Protein backbone atom coordinates (compact mmCIF):
# COMPACT_ATOMS: atom_id res chain seq x y z
CA UNK A 1 2.49 14.97 10.57
CA UNK A 2 0.34 11.89 10.89
CA UNK A 3 1.35 8.23 10.61
CA UNK A 4 -0.77 5.37 9.32
CA UNK A 5 0.04 1.68 9.55
CA UNK A 6 -1.70 -0.66 7.15
CA UNK A 7 -1.70 -4.37 6.44
CA UNK A 8 -2.47 -6.69 3.55
CA UNK A 9 -1.73 -10.30 2.69
CA UNK A 10 0.08 -11.80 -0.26
CA UNK A 11 -0.98 -14.99 -1.95
CA UNK A 12 0.71 -18.00 -0.37
CA UNK A 13 3.05 -18.75 -3.25
CA UNK A 14 6.84 -18.33 -2.84
CA UNK A 15 7.33 -17.53 -6.54
CA UNK A 16 4.65 -14.83 -6.50
CA UNK A 17 6.07 -13.37 -3.28
CA UNK A 18 9.54 -13.20 -4.85
CA UNK A 19 8.09 -11.46 -7.93
CA UNK A 20 6.21 -9.00 -5.71
CA UNK A 21 9.41 -8.06 -3.90
CA UNK A 22 11.25 -7.68 -7.21
CA UNK A 23 8.62 -5.21 -8.46
CA UNK A 24 9.16 -3.17 -5.29
CA UNK A 25 12.90 -2.90 -5.87
CA UNK A 26 12.18 -0.61 -8.82
CA UNK A 27 8.72 0.94 -8.42
CA UNK A 28 7.62 2.85 -11.51
CA UNK A 29 8.40 6.59 -11.31
CA UNK A 30 4.74 7.45 -12.01
CA UNK A 31 3.76 5.52 -8.88
CA UNK A 32 6.38 7.27 -6.74
CA UNK A 33 5.16 10.61 -8.10
CA UNK A 34 1.51 9.81 -7.31
CA UNK A 35 2.45 8.80 -3.76
CA UNK A 36 4.35 12.04 -3.14
CA UNK A 37 1.71 14.21 -4.82
CA UNK A 38 -0.91 12.73 -2.46
CA UNK A 39 0.95 14.13 0.54
CA UNK A 40 2.72 10.94 1.60
CA UNK A 41 6.13 12.03 2.83
CA UNK A 42 7.53 8.65 3.89
CA UNK A 43 6.52 5.06 3.17
CA UNK A 44 7.98 1.70 4.09
CA UNK A 45 6.63 -1.79 3.45
CA UNK A 46 7.73 -4.82 5.47
CA UNK A 47 6.93 -8.49 4.90
CA UNK A 48 6.76 -11.53 7.12
CA UNK A 49 5.82 -14.61 5.15
CA UNK A 50 2.62 -13.57 3.35
CA UNK A 51 1.73 -10.62 5.60
CA UNK A 52 2.61 -7.07 4.53
CA UNK A 53 2.91 -4.10 6.87
CA UNK A 54 3.06 -0.53 5.53
CA UNK A 55 4.06 2.60 7.43
CA UNK A 56 2.99 5.91 5.88
CA UNK A 57 3.85 9.35 7.18
CA UNK A 58 1.64 12.01 5.61
CA UNK A 59 1.37 15.78 5.62
CA UNK A 60 -1.73 17.82 6.40
CA UNK A 61 -2.93 17.77 2.78
CA UNK A 62 -3.27 13.97 2.70
CA UNK A 63 -6.58 12.15 2.78
CA UNK A 64 -7.43 8.61 1.76
CA UNK A 65 -10.44 9.90 -0.16
CA UNK A 66 -8.39 12.37 -2.24
CA UNK A 67 -5.74 9.72 -2.88
CA UNK A 68 -8.39 7.23 -4.06
CA UNK A 69 -9.94 9.82 -6.41
CA UNK A 70 -6.54 10.75 -7.87
CA UNK A 71 -5.63 7.08 -8.28
CA UNK A 72 -8.91 6.28 -10.02
CA UNK A 73 -8.16 8.86 -12.71
CA UNK A 74 -4.51 7.89 -13.18
CA UNK A 75 -4.11 5.15 -15.81
CA UNK A 76 -0.57 4.26 -14.71
CA UNK A 77 -1.65 3.84 -11.06
CA UNK A 78 -4.54 1.66 -12.21
CA UNK A 79 -2.13 -0.45 -14.27
CA UNK A 80 0.16 -0.84 -11.23
CA UNK A 81 -2.75 -1.73 -8.93
CA UNK A 82 -4.01 -4.36 -11.38
CA UNK A 83 -0.51 -5.84 -11.61
CA UNK A 84 -0.07 -5.87 -7.81
CA UNK A 85 -3.44 -7.56 -7.30
CA UNK A 86 -1.93 -10.62 -9.02
CA UNK A 87 0.14 -11.04 -5.84
CA UNK A 88 -2.13 -9.63 -3.15
CA UNK A 89 -5.21 -11.00 -1.45
CA UNK A 90 -7.64 -9.31 0.91
CA UNK A 91 -7.70 -9.98 4.62
CA UNK A 92 -10.62 -12.11 5.77
CA UNK A 93 -12.27 -9.13 7.51
CA UNK A 94 -11.95 -6.71 4.57
CA UNK A 95 -14.92 -5.28 2.71
CA UNK A 96 -15.40 -6.10 -0.98
CA UNK A 97 -12.80 -4.23 -3.03
CA UNK A 98 -10.78 -3.26 0.06
CA UNK A 99 -7.07 -3.93 -0.07
CA UNK A 100 -4.80 -2.31 2.50
CA UNK A 101 -6.51 -2.05 5.90
CA UNK A 102 -5.63 0.56 8.51
CA UNK A 103 -4.30 -0.92 11.73
CA UNK A 104 -5.16 0.45 15.17
CA UNK A 105 -2.30 1.57 17.39
CA UNK A 106 -2.55 -0.28 20.70
CA UNK A 107 0.73 0.79 22.35
CA UNK A 108 3.11 3.74 22.39
CA UNK A 109 6.28 3.74 24.47
CA UNK A 110 6.21 7.54 24.87
């Protein structure tokens, strides 16, 4: 099993941040299904102010490329992503169209 940690920022607006968290209290079942079908076995999202941090554990079948292709052809995922973009904003170092950015592990206690 492999773990990825990703980050993304939210727009600096307390009302939008509260709405974003509310959406994540009841994520659409189609989104949960697409996450699991991609090979993501565990996912958590944390927030500090406007910074998001996501932990994803994935199985051997997972790839970001396959997930992106599946998402692109899934109307419900596209609807969700468009809705979430109302609240999210790219990091300053992201490429055009890039949202969540993979973080580099710099320490491991083991």
